[in-house]
Amino acid sequence: MTDPMRTLSILCLLAACGCGSQSVLLESEGEYLFTAPDVLALPGENVELRARLQMGDLLEPKVGCIVRFLRDGRLFKAAETDDDGVAVVTFAPEKPGVYRFTAELSPNGFPDIPPPPRQFQVACRRSEEPSIIVDLDKTLVASGFHLVLIGEPEPMPDSPGVMRRLAGKHSIIYLTHRPDYFGPKSKAWLGKHKYPDGPVLLSNVSGFLSGSGAFKTQAIQRLRSRFKNIRIGIGDKISDAQSYHDNGIRAFLIIEIPQAAPAEQLRTLAKSLETLPDQVQVVTSWSQIENVLFGNASYPRSRMQRELKKKADALKTEEKNTAE
């Protein structure tokens, strides 16, 4: 990525927050941001382990630093950060399992103590292993991305328990449109609220700027082409649900119905669901997801549309009676 494009991308992401704020927003260490993303792999597949070091208000890449990749506390490989601030080594997991790695920086070249190490995982899974894809914002997180930036969001009610129950028979894949700058913060939040273990797959800056629909559609297609037994997909966007369904994955769409929503807003929401197949389960809570997956409940798209229209009609009648 050229310097002008890098600067433009970072400004687009952090402009609303002001310079010098990334240490709070991204949980970076002072002027540095050190990240190491999780990896999802097939047995015997040669994959890249990557760590990136950036610095300053515009997160410029820091070139020429040595990154040591440790496996189980022992040195595995080392590499130098390139012009993009990225150090890359390769690894081929022999069999299914979770391989724990740590990326740490050599202190050489730092005026002070370098940023602390980052832990990440290579989740190696058989193609036929039962899996679930789940989003973060407004799916597990009970708010949108803006609260991730400025506060400490709460989990969606019941979501940690239902996710732990699902993890009993499924491997978990966390897939989010958040840019990879938020990897450490995302993993820390999932751990704090006791969600089951699983790789956290994020977008890069170009994926973030392309929009959630485009990024998720491509990511889901790539995952489904390699992992043939992804059974369930859970998200909060219509485009997510459509992509899950189109790839043969049982789709759940979580929607939020504002308590004070006027009738026209409810009708608009009902109409927006028309493009979805009726097999898509449209729910408002994790308890409903649990009732579908572990009980006999069903919440097809048409049922939610009827409920929204019925509520809109009742509001219109109430407004008419009040006016009279």
C-alpha atoms as a PDB file:
ATOM      1  CA  MET A   1       0.000   0.000   0.000  1.00  0.00           C
ATOM      2  CA  THR A   2       1.420   3.406  -0.939  1.00  0.00           C
ATOM      3  CA  ASP A   3       2.013   6.029   1.730  1.00  0.00           C
ATOM      4  CA  PRO A   4      -0.832   8.324   0.513  1.00  0.00           C
ATOM      5  CA  MET A   5      -3.278   5.422   0.423  1.00  0.00           C
ATOM      6  CA  ARG A   6      -2.178   4.220   3.851  1.00  0.00           C
ATOM      7  CA  THR A   7      -2.623   7.684   5.310  1.00  0.00           C
ATOM      8  CA  LEU A   8      -6.046   8.082   3.731  1.00  0.00           C
ATOM      9  CA  SER A   9      -7.174   4.691   5.036  1.00  0.00           C
ATOM     10  CA  ILE A  10      -6.025   5.369   8.584  1.00  0.00           C
ATOM     11  CA  LEU A  11      -7.607   8.815   8.581  1.00  0.00           C
ATOM     12  CA  CYS A  12     -10.908   7.355   7.402  1.00  0.00           C
ATOM     13  CA  LEU A  13     -10.816   4.916  10.303  1.00  0.00           C
ATOM     14  CA  LEU A  14      -9.660   7.226  13.095  1.00  0.00           C
ATOM     15  CA  ALA A  15     -10.801  10.665  11.966  1.00  0.00           C
ATOM     16  CA  ALA A  16     -13.746  10.719  14.324  1.00  0.00           C
ATOM     17  CA  CYS A  17     -11.474  10.052  17.257  1.00  0.00           C
ATOM     18  CA  GLY A  18      -8.608  12.529  16.880  1.00  0.00           C
ATOM     19  CA  CYS A  19      -4.860  12.079  16.813  1.00  0.00           C
ATOM     20  CA  GLY A  20      -3.171  10.295  19.696  1.00  0.00           C
ATOM     21  CA  SER A  21      -6.315   8.444  20.675  1.00  0.00           C
ATOM     22  CA  GLN A  22      -5.393   5.013  19.339  1.00  0.00           C
ATOM     23  CA  SER A  23      -3.849   3.891  22.629  1.00  0.00           C
ATOM     24  CA  VAL A  24      -7.328   4.050  24.161  1.00  0.00           C
ATOM     25  CA  LEU A  25      -9.382   2.995  21.155  1.00  0.00           C
ATOM     26  CA  LEU A  26      -7.171   0.118  20.068  1.00  0.00           C
ATOM     27  CA  GLU A  27      -5.609  -0.780  23.422  1.00  0.00           C
ATOM     28  CA  SER A  28      -2.195  -0.188  21.877  1.00  0.00           C
ATOM     29  CA  GLU A  29       0.960   0.381  23.877  1.00  0.00           C
ATOM     30  CA  GLY A  30       1.804   4.094  23.931  1.00  0.00           C
ATOM     31  CA  GLU A  31       2.741   5.147  20.423  1.00  0.00           C
ATOM     32  CA  TYR A  32       2.921   1.555  19.143  1.00  0.00           C
ATOM     33  CA  LEU A  33       0.324  -0.884  17.864  1.00  0.00           C
ATOM     34  CA  PHE A  34       1.505  -4.504  17.706  1.00  0.00           C
ATOM     35  CA  THR A  35      -0.924  -7.090  16.338  1.00  0.00           C
ATOM     36  CA  ALA A  36      -0.811 -10.789  15.425  1.00  0.00           C
ATOM     37  CA  PRO A  37      -4.000 -12.216  13.850  1.00  0.00           C
ATOM     38  CA  ASP A  38      -5.427 -15.673  14.371  1.00  0.00           C
ATOM     39  CA  VAL A  39      -5.270 -18.188  11.528  1.00  0.00           C
ATOM     40  CA  LEU A  40      -7.688 -20.908  10.436  1.00  0.00           C
ATOM     41  CA  ALA A  41      -5.993 -23.832   8.661  1.00  0.00           C
ATOM     42  CA  LEU A  42      -6.544 -27.322   7.276  1.00  0.00           C
ATOM     43  CA  PRO A  43      -4.255 -30.206   8.333  1.00  0.00           C
ATOM     44  CA  GLY A  44      -1.005 -30.073   6.376  1.00  0.00           C
ATOM     45  CA  GLU A  45      -1.793 -26.676   4.911  1.00  0.00           C
ATOM     46  CA  ASN A  46       1.099 -24.210   4.780  1.00  0.00           C
ATOM     47  CA  VAL A  47      -0.153 -20.945   6.301  1.00  0.00           C
ATOM     48  CA  GLU A  48       1.390 -17.576   7.085  1.00  0.00           C
ATOM     49  CA  LEU A  49       1.902 -16.353  10.632  1.00  0.00           C
ATOM     50  CA  ARG A  50       1.949 -12.567  10.575  1.00  0.00           C
ATOM     51  CA  ALA A  51       2.732  -9.840  13.076  1.00  0.00           C
ATOM     52  CA  ARG A  52       2.535  -6.116  12.363  1.00  0.00           C
ATOM     53  CA  LEU A  53       4.124  -3.188  14.147  1.00  0.00           C
ATOM     54  CA  GLN A  54       2.885   0.376  13.610  1.00  0.00           C
ATOM     55  CA  MET A  55       3.576   3.626  15.376  1.00  0.00           C
ATOM     56  CA  GLY A  56       2.517   7.251  15.686  1.00  0.00           C
ATOM     57  CA  ASP A  57      -0.779   9.069  15.287  1.00  0.00           C
ATOM     58  CA  LEU A  58      -1.259   7.694  11.751  1.00  0.00           C
ATOM     59  CA  LEU A  59      -0.002   4.197  12.597  1.00  0.00           C
ATOM     60  CA  GLU A  60       2.933   4.288  10.199  1.00  0.00           C
ATOM     61  CA  PRO A  61       4.735   0.946   9.697  1.00  0.00           C
ATOM     62  CA  LYS A  62       7.924   0.428  11.699  1.00  0.00           C
ATOM     63  CA  VAL A  63      10.448  -1.248   9.458  1.00  0.00           C
ATOM     64  CA  GLY A  64      13.410  -3.448  10.341  1.00  0.00           C
ATOM     65  CA  CYS A  65      12.314  -4.801  13.720  1.00  0.00           C
ATOM     66  CA  ILE A  66      12.863  -8.454  14.597  1.00  0.00           C
ATOM     67  CA  VAL A  67       9.765 -10.446  15.547  1.00  0.00           C
ATOM     68  CA  ARG A  68      10.262 -13.782  17.250  1.00  0.00           C
ATOM     69  CA  PHE A  69       7.454 -16.301  16.892  1.00  0.00           C
ATOM     70  CA  LEU A  70       7.293 -18.643  19.871  1.00  0.00           C
ATOM     71  CA  ARG A  71       5.371 -21.892  20.061  1.00  0.00           C
ATOM     72  CA  ASP A  72       4.709 -23.247  23.536  1.00  0.00           C
ATOM     73  CA  GLY A  73       7.322 -20.850  24.896  1.00  0.00           C
ATOM     74  CA  ARG A  74      10.082 -21.968  22.532  1.00  0.00           C
ATOM     75  CA  LEU A  75      11.438 -20.091  19.534  1.00  0.00           C
ATOM     76  CA  PHE A  76       9.792 -21.316  16.348  1.00  0.00           C
ATOM     77  CA  LYS A  77      10.977 -18.807  13.726  1.00  0.00           C
ATOM     78  CA  ALA A  78      11.918 -15.147  13.453  1.00  0.00           C
ATOM     79  CA  ALA A  79      11.456 -12.502  10.767  1.00  0.00           C
ATOM     80  CA  GLU A  80      12.072  -8.821  10.188  1.00  0.00           C
ATOM     81  CA  THR A  81       9.256  -6.317   9.653  1.00  0.00           C
ATOM     82  CA  ASP A  82       9.029  -5.181   6.024  1.00  0.00           C
ATOM     83  CA  ASP A  83       8.005  -1.880   4.444  1.00  0.00           C
ATOM     84  CA  ASP A  84       4.443  -2.440   5.700  1.00  0.00           C
ATOM     85  CA  GLY A  85       5.652  -3.184   9.237  1.00  0.00           C
ATOM     86  CA  VAL A  86       4.763  -6.873   8.785  1.00  0.00           C
ATOM     87  CA  ALA A  87       6.881  -9.888   9.729  1.00  0.00           C
ATOM     88  CA  VAL A  88       5.858 -13.193   8.130  1.00  0.00           C
ATOM     89  CA  VAL A  89       6.830 -16.821   8.720  1.00  0.00           C
ATOM     90  CA  THR A  90       5.144 -20.040   7.621  1.00  0.00           C
ATOM     91  CA  PHE A  91       3.737 -22.989   9.542  1.00  0.00           C
ATOM     92  CA  ALA A  92       2.060 -26.236   8.487  1.00  0.00           C
ATOM     93  CA  PRO A  93      -0.012 -27.888  11.250  1.00  0.00           C
ATOM     94  CA  GLU A  94       0.200 -31.652  11.008  1.00  0.00           C
ATOM     95  CA  LYS A  95      -3.135 -32.535  12.568  1.00  0.00           C
ATOM     96  CA  PRO A  96      -6.325 -30.879  13.901  1.00  0.00           C
ATOM     97  CA  GLY A  97      -5.947 -28.880  17.085  1.00  0.00           C
ATOM     98  CA  VAL A  98      -5.279 -25.430  18.464  1.00  0.00           C
ATOM     99  CA  TYR A  99      -1.665 -24.335  18.133  1.00  0.00           C
ATOM    100  CA  ARG A 100      -0.756 -21.483  20.479  1.00  0.00           C
ATOM    101  CA  PHE A 101       1.808 -18.937  19.369  1.00  0.00           C
ATOM    102  CA  THR A 102       3.304 -15.763  20.778  1.00  0.00           C
ATOM    103  CA  ALA A 103       4.778 -12.946  18.714  1.00  0.00           C
ATOM    104  CA  GLU A 104       7.360 -10.910  20.585  1.00  0.00           C
ATOM    105  CA  LEU A 105       9.608  -8.041  19.553  1.00  0.00           C
ATOM    106  CA  SER A 106      13.343  -7.913  20.027  1.00  0.00           C
ATOM    107  CA  PRO A 107      14.236  -4.853  22.138  1.00  0.00           C
ATOM    108  CA  ASN A 108      16.929  -3.847  19.640  1.00  0.00           C
ATOM    109  CA  GLY A 109      16.046  -0.586  17.912  1.00  0.00           C
ATOM    110  CA  PHE A 110      13.596   0.623  20.571  1.00  0.00           C
ATOM    111  CA  PRO A 111      14.491   3.637  22.710  1.00  0.00           C
ATOM    112  CA  ASP A 112      12.428   2.185  25.544  1.00  0.00           C
ATOM    113  CA  ILE A 113      10.765  -1.142  26.294  1.00  0.00           C
ATOM    114  CA  PRO A 114       9.022  -2.540  23.161  1.00  0.00           C
ATOM    115  CA  PRO A 115       5.307  -3.353  23.162  1.00  0.00           C
ATOM    116  CA  PRO A 116       4.441  -6.550  25.038  1.00  0.00           C
ATOM    117  CA  PRO A 117       4.014  -9.864  23.194  1.00  0.00           C
ATOM    118  CA  ARG A 118       0.778 -10.836  21.470  1.00  0.00           C
ATOM    119  CA  GLN A 119      -0.776 -14.274  21.732  1.00  0.00           C
ATOM    120  CA  PHE A 120      -2.563 -15.784  18.758  1.00  0.00           C
ATOM    121  CA  GLN A 121      -3.716 -19.173  17.584  1.00  0.00           C
ATOM    122  CA  VAL A 122      -3.640 -21.365  14.521  1.00  0.00           C
ATOM    123  CA  ALA A 123      -6.916 -23.270  14.639  1.00  0.00           C
ATOM    124  CA  CYS A 124      -6.404 -26.393  12.541  1.00  0.00           C
ATOM    125  CA  ARG A 125      -9.642 -28.132  11.611  1.00  0.00           C
ATOM    126  CA  ARG A 126     -10.707 -30.892   9.293  1.00  0.00           C
ATOM    127  CA  SER A 127     -12.792 -29.725   6.369  1.00  0.00           C
ATOM    128  CA  GLU A 128     -15.734 -31.859   7.505  1.00  0.00           C
ATOM    129  CA  GLU A 129     -15.681 -30.730  11.162  1.00  0.00           C
ATOM    130  CA  PRO A 130     -19.025 -29.184  12.260  1.00  0.00           C
ATOM    131  CA  SER A 131     -18.537 -25.434  12.607  1.00  0.00           C
ATOM    132  CA  ILE A 132     -20.396 -22.196  13.326  1.00  0.00           C
ATOM    133  CA  ILE A 133     -19.671 -18.686  12.069  1.00  0.00           C
ATOM    134  CA  VAL A 134     -20.775 -15.836  14.335  1.00  0.00           C
ATOM    135  CA  ASP A 135     -20.444 -12.064  14.032  1.00  0.00           C
ATOM    136  CA  LEU A 136     -19.519  -9.708  16.895  1.00  0.00           C
ATOM    137  CA  ASP A 137     -21.186  -6.281  16.760  1.00  0.00           C
ATOM    138  CA  LYS A 138     -24.952  -6.345  17.408  1.00  0.00           C
ATOM    139  CA  THR A 139     -24.702 -10.135  17.445  1.00  0.00           C
ATOM    140  CA  LEU A 140     -22.607 -11.037  20.479  1.00  0.00           C
ATOM    141  CA  VAL A 141     -21.953  -7.411  21.398  1.00  0.00           C
ATOM    142  CA  ALA A 142     -25.134  -5.623  22.478  1.00  0.00           C
ATOM    143  CA  SER A 143     -24.249  -2.486  20.523  1.00  0.00           C
ATOM    144  CA  GLY A 144     -22.687  -1.270  17.316  1.00  0.00           C
ATOM    145  CA  PHE A 145     -19.068  -0.584  16.455  1.00  0.00           C
ATOM    146  CA  HIS A 146     -19.230   2.993  17.783  1.00  0.00           C
ATOM    147  CA  LEU A 147     -19.414   1.749  21.378  1.00  0.00           C
ATOM    148  CA  VAL A 148     -16.443  -0.489  20.759  1.00  0.00           C
ATOM    149  CA  LEU A 149     -14.551   2.701  19.948  1.00  0.00           C
ATOM    150  CA  ILE A 150     -15.622   4.789  22.912  1.00  0.00           C
ATOM    151  CA  GLY A 151     -16.645   2.430  25.691  1.00  0.00           C
ATOM    152  CA  GLU A 152     -16.905  -1.074  27.084  1.00  0.00           C
ATOM    153  CA  PRO A 153     -19.956  -2.715  25.472  1.00  0.00           C
ATOM    154  CA  GLU A 154     -21.978  -5.437  27.148  1.00  0.00           C
ATOM    155  CA  PRO A 155     -22.756  -8.873  25.700  1.00  0.00           C
ATOM    156  CA  MET A 156     -26.128  -9.639  24.169  1.00  0.00           C
ATOM    157  CA  PRO A 157     -28.235 -11.267  26.902  1.00  0.00           C
ATOM    158  CA  ASP A 158     -27.880 -15.075  26.988  1.00  0.00           C
ATOM    159  CA  SER A 159     -25.251 -15.090  24.220  1.00  0.00           C
ATOM    160  CA  PRO A 160     -22.275 -16.375  26.284  1.00  0.00           C
ATOM    161  CA  GLY A 161     -24.234 -19.345  27.633  1.00  0.00           C
ATOM    162  CA  VAL A 162     -25.777 -20.291  24.289  1.00  0.00           C
ATOM    163  CA  MET A 163     -22.403 -20.016  22.579  1.00  0.00           C
ATOM    164  CA  ARG A 164     -20.800 -22.279  25.172  1.00  0.00           C
ATOM    165  CA  ARG A 165     -23.604 -24.772  24.649  1.00  0.00           C
ATOM    166  CA  LEU A 166     -23.103 -24.674  20.867  1.00  0.00           C
ATOM    167  CA  ALA A 167     -19.365 -25.145  21.298  1.00  0.00           C
ATOM    168  CA  GLY A 168     -20.049 -28.560  22.833  1.00  0.00           C
ATOM    169  CA  LYS A 169     -20.606 -30.008  19.349  1.00  0.00           C
ATOM    170  CA  HIS A 170     -19.280 -27.331  17.009  1.00  0.00           C
ATOM    171  CA  SER A 171     -16.072 -25.449  16.399  1.00  0.00           C
ATOM    172  CA  ILE A 172     -16.490 -21.694  16.589  1.00  0.00           C
ATOM    173  CA  ILE A 173     -15.321 -19.145  14.010  1.00  0.00           C
ATOM    174  CA  TYR A 174     -15.665 -15.479  14.949  1.00  0.00           C
ATOM    175  CA  LEU A 175     -15.948 -13.412  11.761  1.00  0.00           C
ATOM    176  CA  THR A 176     -16.192  -9.647  12.034  1.00  0.00           C
ATOM    177  CA  HIS A 177     -15.990  -6.651   9.729  1.00  0.00           C
ATOM    178  CA  ARG A 178     -13.908  -4.853  12.359  1.00  0.00           C
ATOM    179  CA  PRO A 179     -10.477  -3.935  10.964  1.00  0.00           C
ATOM    180  CA  ASP A 180      -7.551  -5.931  12.244  1.00  0.00           C
ATOM    181  CA  TYR A 181      -6.362  -3.000  14.379  1.00  0.00           C
ATOM    182  CA  PHE A 182      -9.048  -4.159  16.817  1.00  0.00           C
ATOM    183  CA  GLY A 183      -7.785  -7.740  17.102  1.00  0.00           C
ATOM    184  CA  PRO A 184      -6.338  -7.435  20.619  1.00  0.00           C
ATOM    185  CA  LYS A 185      -9.380  -5.558  21.897  1.00  0.00           C
ATOM    186  CA  SER A 186     -11.808  -8.057  20.333  1.00  0.00           C
ATOM    187  CA  LYS A 187     -10.031 -11.099  21.761  1.00  0.00           C
ATOM    188  CA  ALA A 188      -9.814  -9.518  25.212  1.00  0.00           C
ATOM    189  CA  TRP A 189     -13.556  -8.771  25.185  1.00  0.00           C
ATOM    190  CA  LEU A 190     -14.470 -12.342  24.196  1.00  0.00           C
ATOM    191  CA  GLY A 191     -12.230 -13.742  26.911  1.00  0.00           C
ATOM    192  CA  LYS A 192     -13.549 -11.378  29.564  1.00  0.00           C
ATOM    193  CA  HIS A 193     -17.127 -12.496  28.917  1.00  0.00           C
ATOM    194  CA  LYS A 194     -16.224 -16.212  28.773  1.00  0.00           C
ATOM    195  CA  TYR A 195     -17.168 -16.950  25.177  1.00  0.00           C
ATOM    196  CA  PRO A 196     -15.817 -20.257  23.841  1.00  0.00           C
ATOM    197  CA  ASP A 197     -12.413 -20.387  22.241  1.00  0.00           C
ATOM    198  CA  GLY A 198     -12.118 -19.862  18.498  1.00  0.00           C
ATOM    199  CA  PRO A 199     -10.146 -17.902  15.929  1.00  0.00           C
ATOM    200  CA  VAL A 200     -11.119 -14.251  15.492  1.00  0.00           C
ATOM    201  CA  LEU A 201     -11.042 -13.349  11.796  1.00  0.00           C
ATOM    202  CA  LEU A 202     -11.082  -9.623  11.005  1.00  0.00           C
ATOM    203  CA  SER A 203     -10.959  -7.439   7.903  1.00  0.00           C
ATOM    204  CA  ASN A 204      -8.010  -5.393   6.743  1.00  0.00           C
ATOM    205  CA  VAL A 205      -8.351  -1.687   5.972  1.00  0.00           C
ATOM    206  CA  SER A 206      -9.390  -2.260   2.342  1.00  0.00           C
ATOM    207  CA  GLY A 207     -11.965  -4.821   3.457  1.00  0.00           C
ATOM    208  CA  PHE A 208     -13.264  -2.410   6.072  1.00  0.00           C
ATOM    209  CA  LEU A 209     -13.616   0.409   3.563  1.00  0.00           C
ATOM    210  CA  SER A 210     -15.359  -1.875   1.026  1.00  0.00           C
ATOM    211  CA  GLY A 211     -18.295  -2.265   3.413  1.00  0.00           C
ATOM    212  CA  SER A 212     -19.608  -5.063   5.583  1.00  0.00           C
ATOM    213  CA  GLY A 213     -21.727  -6.711   2.882  1.00  0.00           C
ATOM    214  CA  ALA A 214     -18.917  -7.099   0.364  1.00  0.00           C
ATOM    215  CA  PHE A 215     -16.361  -8.171   2.958  1.00  0.00           C
ATOM    216  CA  LYS A 216     -18.606 -10.746   4.651  1.00  0.00           C
ATOM    217  CA  THR A 217     -19.890 -12.224   1.393  1.00  0.00           C
ATOM    218  CA  GLN A 218     -16.357 -12.857   0.140  1.00  0.00           C
ATOM    219  CA  ALA A 219     -15.135 -14.137   3.515  1.00  0.00           C
ATOM    220  CA  ILE A 220     -18.046 -16.564   3.910  1.00  0.00           C
ATOM    221  CA  GLN A 221     -17.527 -17.895   0.381  1.00  0.00           C
ATOM    222  CA  ARG A 222     -13.822 -18.485   1.026  1.00  0.00           C
ATOM    223  CA  LEU A 223     -14.491 -20.245   4.331  1.00  0.00           C
ATOM    224  CA  ARG A 224     -17.230 -22.429   2.865  1.00  0.00           C
ATOM    225  CA  SER A 225     -14.986 -23.493  -0.031  1.00  0.00           C
ATOM    226  CA  ARG A 226     -12.431 -24.911   2.426  1.00  0.00           C
ATOM    227  CA  PHE A 227     -14.566 -25.996   5.383  1.00  0.00           C
ATOM    228  CA  LYS A 228     -17.459 -28.018   4.018  1.00  0.00           C
ATOM    229  CA  ASN A 229     -19.441 -28.548   7.208  1.00  0.00           C
ATOM    230  CA  ILE A 230     -20.176 -25.015   8.403  1.00  0.00           C
ATOM    231  CA  ARG A 231     -23.666 -25.636   9.698  1.00  0.00           C
ATOM    232  CA  ILE A 232     -24.804 -22.360  11.257  1.00  0.00           C
ATOM    233  CA  GLY A 233     -24.185 -18.675  10.584  1.00  0.00           C
ATOM    234  CA  ILE A 234     -25.339 -15.931  12.947  1.00  0.00           C
ATOM    235  CA  GLY A 235     -25.241 -12.197  12.229  1.00  0.00           C
ATOM    236  CA  ASP A 236     -27.187  -8.953  12.320  1.00  0.00           C
ATOM    237  CA  LYS A 237     -27.169  -7.904   8.659  1.00  0.00           C
ATOM    238  CA  ILE A 238     -29.447  -9.039   5.863  1.00  0.00           C
ATOM    239  CA  SER A 239     -26.427  -9.422   3.581  1.00  0.00           C
ATOM    240  CA  ASP A 240     -24.828 -11.799   6.134  1.00  0.00           C
ATOM    241  CA  ALA A 241     -27.946 -13.954   6.309  1.00  0.00           C
ATOM    242  CA  GLN A 242     -28.301 -14.060   2.535  1.00  0.00           C
ATOM    243  CA  SER A 243     -24.667 -15.087   2.098  1.00  0.00           C
ATOM    244  CA  TYR A 244     -24.989 -17.819   4.741  1.00  0.00           C
ATOM    245  CA  HIS A 245     -28.082 -19.187   2.999  1.00  0.00           C
ATOM    246  CA  ASP A 246     -26.534 -18.978  -0.482  1.00  0.00           C
ATOM    247  CA  ASN A 247     -23.581 -21.052   0.765  1.00  0.00           C
ATOM    248  CA  GLY A 248     -25.766 -23.790   2.236  1.00  0.00           C
ATOM    249  CA  ILE A 249     -25.396 -22.613   5.837  1.00  0.00           C
ATOM    250  CA  ARG A 250     -28.368 -22.403   8.201  1.00  0.00           C
ATOM    251  CA  ALA A 251     -28.809 -18.669   8.666  1.00  0.00           C
ATOM    252  CA  PHE A 252     -29.872 -16.683  11.725  1.00  0.00           C
ATOM    253  CA  LEU A 253     -30.530 -12.950  11.487  1.00  0.00           C
ATOM    254  CA  ILE A 254     -30.724 -11.022  14.760  1.00  0.00           C
ATOM    255  CA  ILE A 255     -32.704  -7.802  14.411  1.00  0.00           C
ATOM    256  CA  GLU A 256     -33.361  -4.995  16.852  1.00  0.00           C
ATOM    257  CA  ILE A 257     -36.881  -3.559  17.106  1.00  0.00           C
ATOM    258  CA  PRO A 258     -36.725  -0.178  18.855  1.00  0.00           C
ATOM    259  CA  GLN A 259     -39.337   0.056  21.596  1.00  0.00           C
ATOM    260  CA  ALA A 260     -40.550   3.472  20.469  1.00  0.00           C
ATOM    261  CA  ALA A 261     -40.415   2.726  16.744  1.00  0.00           C
ATOM    262  CA  PRO A 262     -43.269   4.395  14.810  1.00  0.00           C
ATOM    263  CA  ALA A 263     -45.514   2.372  12.522  1.00  0.00           C
ATOM    264  CA  GLU A 264     -43.736   3.426   9.327  1.00  0.00           C
ATOM    265  CA  GLN A 265     -40.366   2.347  10.686  1.00  0.00           C
ATOM    266  CA  LEU A 266     -41.791  -1.077  11.496  1.00  0.00           C
ATOM    267  CA  ARG A 267     -43.249  -1.381   8.001  1.00  0.00           C
ATOM    268  CA  THR A 268     -39.918  -0.391   6.477  1.00  0.00           C
ATOM    269  CA  LEU A 269     -38.141  -3.023   8.565  1.00  0.00           C
ATOM    270  CA  ALA A 270     -40.677  -5.663   7.496  1.00  0.00           C
ATOM    271  CA  LYS A 271     -40.214  -4.730   3.840  1.00  0.00           C
ATOM    272  CA  SER A 272     -36.423  -4.915   4.119  1.00  0.00           C
ATOM    273  CA  LEU A 273     -36.735  -8.613   4.982  1.00  0.00           C
ATOM    274  CA  GLU A 274     -38.588  -9.488   1.767  1.00  0.00           C
ATOM    275  CA  THR A 275     -35.445 -10.440  -0.139  1.00  0.00           C
ATOM    276  CA  LEU A 276     -34.568 -13.192   2.326  1.00  0.00           C
ATOM    277  CA  PRO A 277     -35.648 -16.803   1.844  1.00  0.00           C
ATOM    278  CA  ASP A 278     -38.224 -17.954   4.370  1.00  0.00           C
ATOM    279  CA  GLN A 279     -35.781 -20.560   5.694  1.00  0.00           C
ATOM    280  CA  VAL A 280     -33.735 -17.780   7.299  1.00  0.00           C
ATOM    281  CA  GLN A 281     -34.509 -17.619  11.010  1.00  0.00           C
ATOM    282  CA  VAL A 282     -35.170 -13.987  11.979  1.00  0.00           C
ATOM    283  CA  VAL A 283     -34.955 -13.516  15.741  1.00  0.00           C
ATOM    284  CA  THR A 284     -34.637 -10.766  18.316  1.00  0.00           C
ATOM    285  CA  SER A 285     -32.711 -12.600  21.041  1.00  0.00           C
ATOM    286  CA  TRP A 286     -30.287 -15.396  21.815  1.00  0.00           C
ATOM    287  CA  SER A 287     -32.963 -17.188  23.793  1.00  0.00           C
ATOM    288  CA  GLN A 288     -34.883 -17.562  20.533  1.00  0.00           C
ATOM    289  CA  ILE A 289     -31.781 -18.939  18.824  1.00  0.00           C
ATOM    290  CA  GLU A 290     -31.467 -21.453  21.654  1.00  0.00           C
ATOM    291  CA  ASN A 291     -35.131 -22.423  21.280  1.00  0.00           C
ATOM    292  CA  VAL A 292     -34.586 -23.144  17.582  1.00  0.00           C
ATOM    293  CA  LEU A 293     -31.339 -25.090  17.902  1.00  0.00           C
ATOM    294  CA  PHE A 294     -32.145 -27.021  21.071  1.00  0.00           C
ATOM    295  CA  GLY A 295     -35.940 -27.069  20.974  1.00  0.00           C
ATOM    296  CA  ASN A 296     -38.799 -27.111  18.491  1.00  0.00           C
ATOM    297  CA  ALA A 297     -39.213 -23.390  17.845  1.00  0.00           C
ATOM    298  CA  SER A 298     -39.080 -21.793  14.413  1.00  0.00           C
ATOM    299  CA  TYR A 299     -38.860 -18.123  13.468  1.00  0.00           C
ATOM    300  CA  PRO A 300     -38.998 -17.967   9.661  1.00  0.00           C
ATOM    301  CA  ARG A 301     -38.644 -14.635   7.936  1.00  0.00           C
ATOM    302  CA  SER A 302     -42.365 -14.496   7.104  1.00  0.00           C
ATOM    303  CA  ARG A 303     -43.311 -14.821  10.773  1.00  0.00           C
ATOM    304  CA  MET A 304     -41.239 -11.780  11.719  1.00  0.00           C
ATOM    305  CA  GLN A 305     -42.735  -9.795   8.846  1.00  0.00           C
ATOM    306  CA  ARG A 306     -46.244 -10.611  10.058  1.00  0.00           C
ATOM    307  CA  GLU A 307     -45.384  -9.598  13.612  1.00  0.00           C
ATOM    308  CA  LEU A 308     -43.903  -6.296  12.481  1.00  0.00           C
ATOM    309  CA  LYS A 309     -46.889  -5.468  10.294  1.00  0.00           C
ATOM    310  CA  LYS A 310     -49.302  -6.440  13.059  1.00  0.00           C
ATOM    311  CA  LYS A 311     -47.512  -4.163  15.501  1.00  0.00           C
ATOM    312  CA  ALA A 312     -47.523  -1.343  12.948  1.00  0.00           C
ATOM    313  CA  ASP A 313     -51.271  -1.749  12.410  1.00  0.00           C
ATOM    314  CA  ALA A 314     -51.877  -1.659  16.164  1.00  0.00           C
ATOM    315  CA  LEU A 315     -49.859   1.549  16.487  1.00  0.00           C
ATOM    316  CA  LYS A 316     -51.836   3.168  13.670  1.00  0.00           C
ATOM    317  CA  THR A 317     -55.116   2.202  15.321  1.00  0.00           C
ATOM    318  CA  GLU A 318     -53.879   3.582  18.637  1.00  0.00           C
ATOM    319  CA  GLU A 319     -52.837   6.839  16.980  1.00  0.00           C
ATOM    320  CA  LYS A 320     -56.238   7.155  15.274  1.00  0.00           C
ATOM    321  CA  ASN A 321     -58.138   6.533  18.512  1.00  0.00           C
ATOM    322  CA  THR A 322     -55.976   9.071  20.338  1.00  0.00           C
ATOM    323  CA  ALA A 323     -56.613  11.685  17.654  1.00  0.00           C
ATOM    324  CA  GLU A 324     -60.380  11.189  17.913  1.00  0.00           C
END
